[in-house]
């Protein structure tokens, strides 16, 4: 498998407000916030932002492992003919993967 085009590291704060209600006693980062981290990372790269356009869509997403407070995530982004493939790793664990696509694809 080829190396990803880009790797971005993000740290999820222990005191992130989402953990207060999701879920008490077992805090987990909601999937929508995980996807927001991916989209923000992709749109920060001018070439990927141009490729995805102003309204990217989510072609696919799999949530494979929980992300808790204080997690360090490595987001990998690969420009492919179908869109931008992403992976979200928490250490050696793949927490999420999927595909961002330009609107209308």
N, C-alpha and C. Protein backbone atom coordinates (compact mmCIF):
# COMPACT_ATOMS: atom_id res chain seq x y z
N UNK A 1 0.84 -1.18 0.00
CA UNK A 1 0.00 0.00 0.00
C UNK A 1 0.89 1.25 0.00
N UNK A 2 0.52 2.24 -0.78
CA UNK A 2 1.31 3.47 -0.89
C UNK A 2 1.17 4.30 0.38
N UNK A 3 2.17 5.12 0.61
CA UNK A 3 2.13 6.05 1.75
C UNK A 3 1.05 7.11 1.49
N UNK A 4 0.40 7.59 2.55
CA UNK A 4 -0.60 8.64 2.36
C UNK A 4 0.05 9.93 1.88
N UNK A 5 -0.74 10.73 1.19
CA UNK A 5 -0.26 12.03 0.72
C UNK A 5 0.06 12.96 1.88
N UNK A 6 -0.70 12.86 2.95
CA UNK A 6 -0.57 13.82 4.04
C UNK A 6 -0.95 13.18 5.36
N UNK A 7 -0.23 13.58 6.42
CA UNK A 7 -0.55 13.17 7.79
C UNK A 7 -0.71 14.43 8.63
N UNK A 8 -1.77 14.46 9.42
CA UNK A 8 -2.04 15.60 10.30
C UNK A 8 -2.28 15.04 11.70
N UNK A 9 -1.62 15.62 12.69
CA UNK A 9 -1.81 15.17 14.07
C UNK A 9 -2.73 16.15 14.80
N UNK A 10 -3.69 15.60 15.51
CA UNK A 10 -4.63 16.40 16.30
C UNK A 10 -4.70 15.82 17.71
N UNK A 11 -4.77 16.69 18.70
CA UNK A 11 -4.93 16.26 20.08
C UNK A 11 -6.33 16.62 20.54
N UNK A 12 -7.03 15.66 21.11
CA UNK A 12 -8.38 15.89 21.62
C UNK A 12 -8.27 16.20 23.11
N UNK A 13 -8.63 17.40 23.50
CA UNK A 13 -8.47 17.86 24.88
C UNK A 13 -9.28 17.01 25.85
N UNK A 14 -8.71 16.82 27.00
CA UNK A 14 -9.38 16.06 28.07
C UNK A 14 -10.69 16.75 28.46
N UNK A 15 -10.69 18.07 28.42
CA UNK A 15 -11.87 18.83 28.86
C UNK A 15 -12.75 19.30 27.69
N UNK A 16 -12.66 18.63 26.54
CA UNK A 16 -13.51 18.99 25.39
C UNK A 16 -14.97 18.96 25.85
N UNK A 17 -15.75 19.98 25.53
CA UNK A 17 -17.14 20.05 26.01
C UNK A 17 -18.02 18.88 25.58
N UNK A 18 -17.71 18.23 24.48
CA UNK A 18 -18.54 17.11 24.02
C UNK A 18 -18.53 15.94 24.99
N UNK A 19 -17.46 15.80 25.77
CA UNK A 19 -17.36 14.67 26.67
C UNK A 19 -18.33 14.76 27.85
N UNK A 20 -18.79 15.96 28.15
CA UNK A 20 -19.68 16.14 29.30
C UNK A 20 -20.98 15.34 29.16
N UNK A 21 -21.50 15.25 27.97
CA UNK A 21 -22.77 14.55 27.79
C UNK A 21 -22.69 13.33 26.91
N UNK A 22 -21.52 12.95 26.50
CA UNK A 22 -21.39 11.86 25.51
C UNK A 22 -20.29 10.90 25.93
N UNK A 23 -20.35 10.12 26.76
CA UNK A 23 -21.39 9.65 27.65
C UNK A 23 -20.89 9.73 29.08
N UNK A 24 -21.70 10.14 30.03
CA UNK A 24 -21.26 10.24 31.42
C UNK A 24 -20.68 8.91 31.91
N UNK A 25 -19.51 8.98 32.48
CA UNK A 25 -18.86 7.78 32.99
C UNK A 25 -18.03 7.04 31.96
N UNK A 26 -18.31 7.22 30.68
CA UNK A 26 -17.55 6.62 29.59
C UNK A 26 -17.49 7.61 28.43
N UNK A 27 -16.70 8.67 28.58
CA UNK A 27 -16.70 9.73 27.56
C UNK A 27 -16.12 9.25 26.22
N UNK A 28 -16.86 9.57 25.16
CA UNK A 28 -16.46 9.23 23.79
C UNK A 28 -16.64 10.46 22.91
N UNK A 29 -15.71 10.67 21.99
CA UNK A 29 -15.85 11.76 21.03
C UNK A 29 -16.92 11.37 20.02
N UNK A 30 -17.96 12.18 19.86
CA UNK A 30 -19.00 11.86 18.87
C UNK A 30 -18.42 11.77 17.45
N UNK A 31 -18.96 10.87 16.66
CA UNK A 31 -18.48 10.67 15.30
C UNK A 31 -18.51 11.93 14.46
N UNK A 32 -19.52 12.76 14.65
CA UNK A 32 -19.61 13.99 13.86
C UNK A 32 -18.44 14.91 14.15
N UNK A 33 -17.95 14.92 15.40
CA UNK A 33 -16.80 15.76 15.72
C UNK A 33 -15.51 15.16 15.17
N UNK A 34 -15.44 13.85 15.11
CA UNK A 34 -14.29 13.19 14.49
C UNK A 34 -14.25 13.53 13.00
N UNK A 35 -15.41 13.49 12.35
CA UNK A 35 -15.48 13.86 10.93
C UNK A 35 -15.15 15.34 10.72
N UNK A 36 -15.54 16.20 11.65
CA UNK A 36 -15.21 17.62 11.55
C UNK A 36 -13.70 17.82 11.59
N UNK A 37 -13.00 17.04 12.41
CA UNK A 37 -11.53 17.12 12.46
C UNK A 37 -10.94 16.73 11.11
N UNK A 38 -11.48 15.68 10.50
CA UNK A 38 -11.00 15.21 9.20
C UNK A 38 -11.24 16.28 8.13
N UNK A 39 -12.45 16.82 8.09
CA UNK A 39 -12.78 17.82 7.08
C UNK A 39 -11.92 19.07 7.26
N UNK A 40 -11.73 19.50 8.49
CA UNK A 40 -10.88 20.67 8.76
C UNK A 40 -9.45 20.43 8.27
N UNK A 41 -8.94 19.23 8.53
CA UNK A 41 -7.57 18.90 8.09
C UNK A 41 -7.48 18.91 6.57
N UNK A 42 -8.47 18.34 5.89
CA UNK A 42 -8.45 18.30 4.42
C UNK A 42 -8.57 19.69 3.82
N UNK A 43 -9.46 20.51 4.36
CA UNK A 43 -9.68 21.84 3.79
C UNK A 43 -8.55 22.81 4.08
N UNK A 44 -7.67 22.46 5.02
CA UNK A 44 -6.50 23.29 5.32
C UNK A 44 -5.40 23.12 4.28
N UNK A 45 -5.53 22.13 3.41
CA UNK A 45 -4.57 21.88 2.34
C UNK A 45 -5.15 22.47 1.06
N UNK A 46 -4.57 23.53 0.52
CA UNK A 46 -5.17 24.19 -0.65
C UNK A 46 -5.52 23.25 -1.81
N UNK A 47 -4.65 22.32 -2.14
CA UNK A 47 -4.94 21.41 -3.27
C UNK A 47 -6.14 20.52 -2.97
N UNK A 48 -6.26 20.04 -1.74
CA UNK A 48 -7.40 19.19 -1.38
C UNK A 48 -8.68 20.03 -1.29
N UNK A 49 -8.57 21.24 -0.78
CA UNK A 49 -9.74 22.13 -0.70
C UNK A 49 -10.28 22.42 -2.10
N UNK A 50 -9.38 22.67 -3.05
CA UNK A 50 -9.80 22.93 -4.43
C UNK A 50 -10.44 21.68 -5.03
N UNK A 51 -9.88 20.54 -4.73
CA UNK A 51 -10.40 19.26 -5.26
C UNK A 51 -11.79 18.95 -4.73
N UNK A 52 -12.01 19.23 -3.43
CA UNK A 52 -13.29 18.91 -2.80
C UNK A 52 -14.36 19.96 -3.07
N UNK A 53 -13.95 21.20 -3.34
CA UNK A 53 -14.91 22.26 -3.62
C UNK A 53 -15.55 22.81 -2.36
N UNK A 54 -16.51 23.73 -2.54
CA UNK A 54 -17.09 24.44 -1.40
C UNK A 54 -18.04 23.60 -0.54
N UNK A 55 -18.56 22.51 -1.08
CA UNK A 55 -19.52 21.69 -0.33
C UNK A 55 -19.19 20.21 -0.49
N UNK A 56 -18.10 19.75 0.14
CA UNK A 56 -17.77 18.33 0.01
C UNK A 56 -18.83 17.46 0.66
N UNK A 57 -18.94 16.24 0.18
CA UNK A 57 -19.88 15.28 0.74
C UNK A 57 -19.12 14.10 1.33
N UNK A 58 -19.80 13.38 2.17
CA UNK A 58 -19.23 12.20 2.79
C UNK A 58 -19.66 10.99 1.98
N UNK A 59 -18.70 10.39 1.25
CA UNK A 59 -19.01 9.23 0.42
C UNK A 59 -19.10 7.96 1.22
N UNK A 60 -18.35 7.88 2.31
CA UNK A 60 -18.35 6.70 3.18
C UNK A 60 -17.67 7.05 4.48
N UNK A 61 -18.10 6.37 5.55
CA UNK A 61 -17.43 6.52 6.84
C UNK A 61 -17.66 5.26 7.66
N UNK A 62 -16.60 4.81 8.30
CA UNK A 62 -16.67 3.67 9.23
C UNK A 62 -16.02 4.11 10.53
N UNK A 63 -16.73 3.90 11.62
CA UNK A 63 -16.19 4.18 12.94
C UNK A 63 -15.82 2.84 13.55
N UNK A 64 -14.54 2.65 13.79
CA UNK A 64 -14.03 1.33 14.14
C UNK A 64 -13.57 1.18 15.58
N UNK A 65 -13.24 2.29 16.24
CA UNK A 65 -12.77 2.24 17.62
C UNK A 65 -13.09 3.57 18.29
N UNK A 66 -13.36 3.54 19.59
CA UNK A 66 -13.70 4.78 20.29
C UNK A 66 -12.51 5.72 20.44
N UNK A 67 -12.83 7.00 20.53
CA UNK A 67 -11.83 8.05 20.78
C UNK A 67 -12.25 8.74 22.06
N UNK A 68 -11.38 8.72 23.04
CA UNK A 68 -11.69 9.29 24.34
C UNK A 68 -10.90 10.55 24.62
N UNK A 69 -11.11 11.12 25.80
CA UNK A 69 -10.41 12.34 26.21
C UNK A 69 -8.90 12.15 26.20
N UNK A 70 -8.20 13.17 25.75
CA UNK A 70 -6.74 13.15 25.74
C UNK A 70 -6.12 12.35 24.62
N UNK A 71 -6.92 11.88 23.68
CA UNK A 71 -6.39 11.08 22.57
C UNK A 71 -5.59 11.94 21.60
N UNK A 72 -4.51 11.38 21.09
CA UNK A 72 -3.77 11.99 19.99
C UNK A 72 -4.12 11.21 18.75
N UNK A 73 -4.58 11.91 17.74
CA UNK A 73 -5.03 11.29 16.49
C UNK A 73 -4.09 11.66 15.36
N UNK A 74 -3.84 10.70 14.48
CA UNK A 74 -3.13 10.97 13.24
C UNK A 74 -4.12 10.75 12.11
N UNK A 75 -4.40 11.82 11.38
CA UNK A 75 -5.34 11.77 10.26
C UNK A 75 -4.51 11.64 8.99
N UNK A 76 -4.78 10.60 8.21
CA UNK A 76 -4.11 10.44 6.92
C UNK A 76 -5.09 10.81 5.81
N UNK A 77 -4.58 11.51 4.82
CA UNK A 77 -5.40 11.97 3.69
C UNK A 77 -4.72 11.55 2.39
N UNK A 78 -5.48 10.88 1.53
CA UNK A 78 -4.98 10.41 0.24
C UNK A 78 -5.89 10.90 -0.87
N UNK A 79 -5.34 11.67 -1.80
CA UNK A 79 -6.11 12.12 -2.97
C UNK A 79 -6.20 10.95 -3.94
N UNK A 80 -7.42 10.54 -4.26
CA UNK A 80 -7.65 9.41 -5.17
C UNK A 80 -8.60 9.87 -6.28
N UNK A 81 -8.76 9.08 -7.33
CA UNK A 81 -9.70 9.46 -8.39
C UNK A 81 -11.14 9.64 -7.90
N UNK A 82 -11.54 8.93 -6.85
CA UNK A 82 -12.91 9.02 -6.33
C UNK A 82 -13.11 10.14 -5.32
N UNK A 83 -12.02 10.69 -4.77
CA UNK A 83 -12.12 11.72 -3.75
C UNK A 83 -10.93 11.62 -2.82
N UNK A 84 -11.10 12.10 -1.60
CA UNK A 84 -10.03 12.08 -0.62
C UNK A 84 -10.33 11.00 0.42
N UNK A 85 -9.54 9.95 0.40
CA UNK A 85 -9.67 8.88 1.39
C UNK A 85 -9.00 9.34 2.68
N UNK A 86 -9.63 8.97 3.80
CA UNK A 86 -9.05 9.34 5.08
C UNK A 86 -9.02 8.15 6.03
N UNK A 87 -8.06 8.23 6.93
CA UNK A 87 -7.98 7.29 8.03
C UNK A 87 -7.67 8.10 9.28
N UNK A 88 -8.22 7.66 10.40
CA UNK A 88 -7.96 8.33 11.68
C UNK A 88 -7.41 7.26 12.61
N UNK A 89 -6.16 7.44 13.00
CA UNK A 89 -5.49 6.47 13.86
C UNK A 89 -5.31 7.04 15.26
N UNK A 90 -5.56 6.21 16.24
CA UNK A 90 -5.28 6.51 17.65
C UNK A 90 -4.19 5.52 18.05
N UNK A 91 -2.94 5.97 17.99
CA UNK A 91 -1.82 5.05 18.15
C UNK A 91 -1.81 4.07 16.99
N UNK A 92 -1.75 2.79 17.28
CA UNK A 92 -1.75 1.76 16.24
C UNK A 92 -3.16 1.34 15.83
N UNK A 93 -4.17 1.93 16.44
CA UNK A 93 -5.56 1.52 16.21
C UNK A 93 -6.21 2.44 15.17
N UNK A 94 -6.83 1.84 14.16
CA UNK A 94 -7.61 2.61 13.19
C UNK A 94 -8.97 2.89 13.81
N UNK A 95 -9.23 4.16 14.13
CA UNK A 95 -10.48 4.56 14.78
C UNK A 95 -11.59 4.85 13.78
N UNK A 96 -11.23 5.34 12.59
CA UNK A 96 -12.24 5.67 11.58
C UNK A 96 -11.57 5.72 10.21
N UNK A 97 -12.39 5.51 9.19
CA UNK A 97 -11.91 5.64 7.81
C UNK A 97 -13.08 6.03 6.93
N UNK A 98 -12.76 6.52 5.74
CA UNK A 98 -13.84 6.89 4.85
C UNK A 98 -13.37 7.67 3.64
N UNK A 99 -14.31 8.34 3.00
CA UNK A 99 -14.06 9.04 1.74
C UNK A 99 -14.83 10.36 1.72
N UNK A 100 -14.10 11.45 1.46
CA UNK A 100 -14.71 12.74 1.19
C UNK A 100 -14.75 12.94 -0.31
N UNK A 101 -15.86 13.46 -0.83
CA UNK A 101 -16.01 13.63 -2.27
C UNK A 101 -16.49 15.04 -2.60
N UNK A 102 -16.16 15.51 -3.81
CA UNK A 102 -16.74 16.78 -4.25
C UNK A 102 -18.25 16.64 -4.36
N UNK A 103 -18.97 17.72 -4.12
CA UNK A 103 -20.42 17.71 -4.24
C UNK A 103 -20.83 17.27 -5.64
N UNK A 104 -21.83 16.43 -5.73
CA UNK A 104 -22.34 15.99 -7.02
C UNK A 104 -21.69 14.75 -7.58
N UNK A 105 -20.81 14.14 -6.81
CA UNK A 105 -20.16 12.91 -7.29
C UNK A 105 -20.82 11.69 -6.79
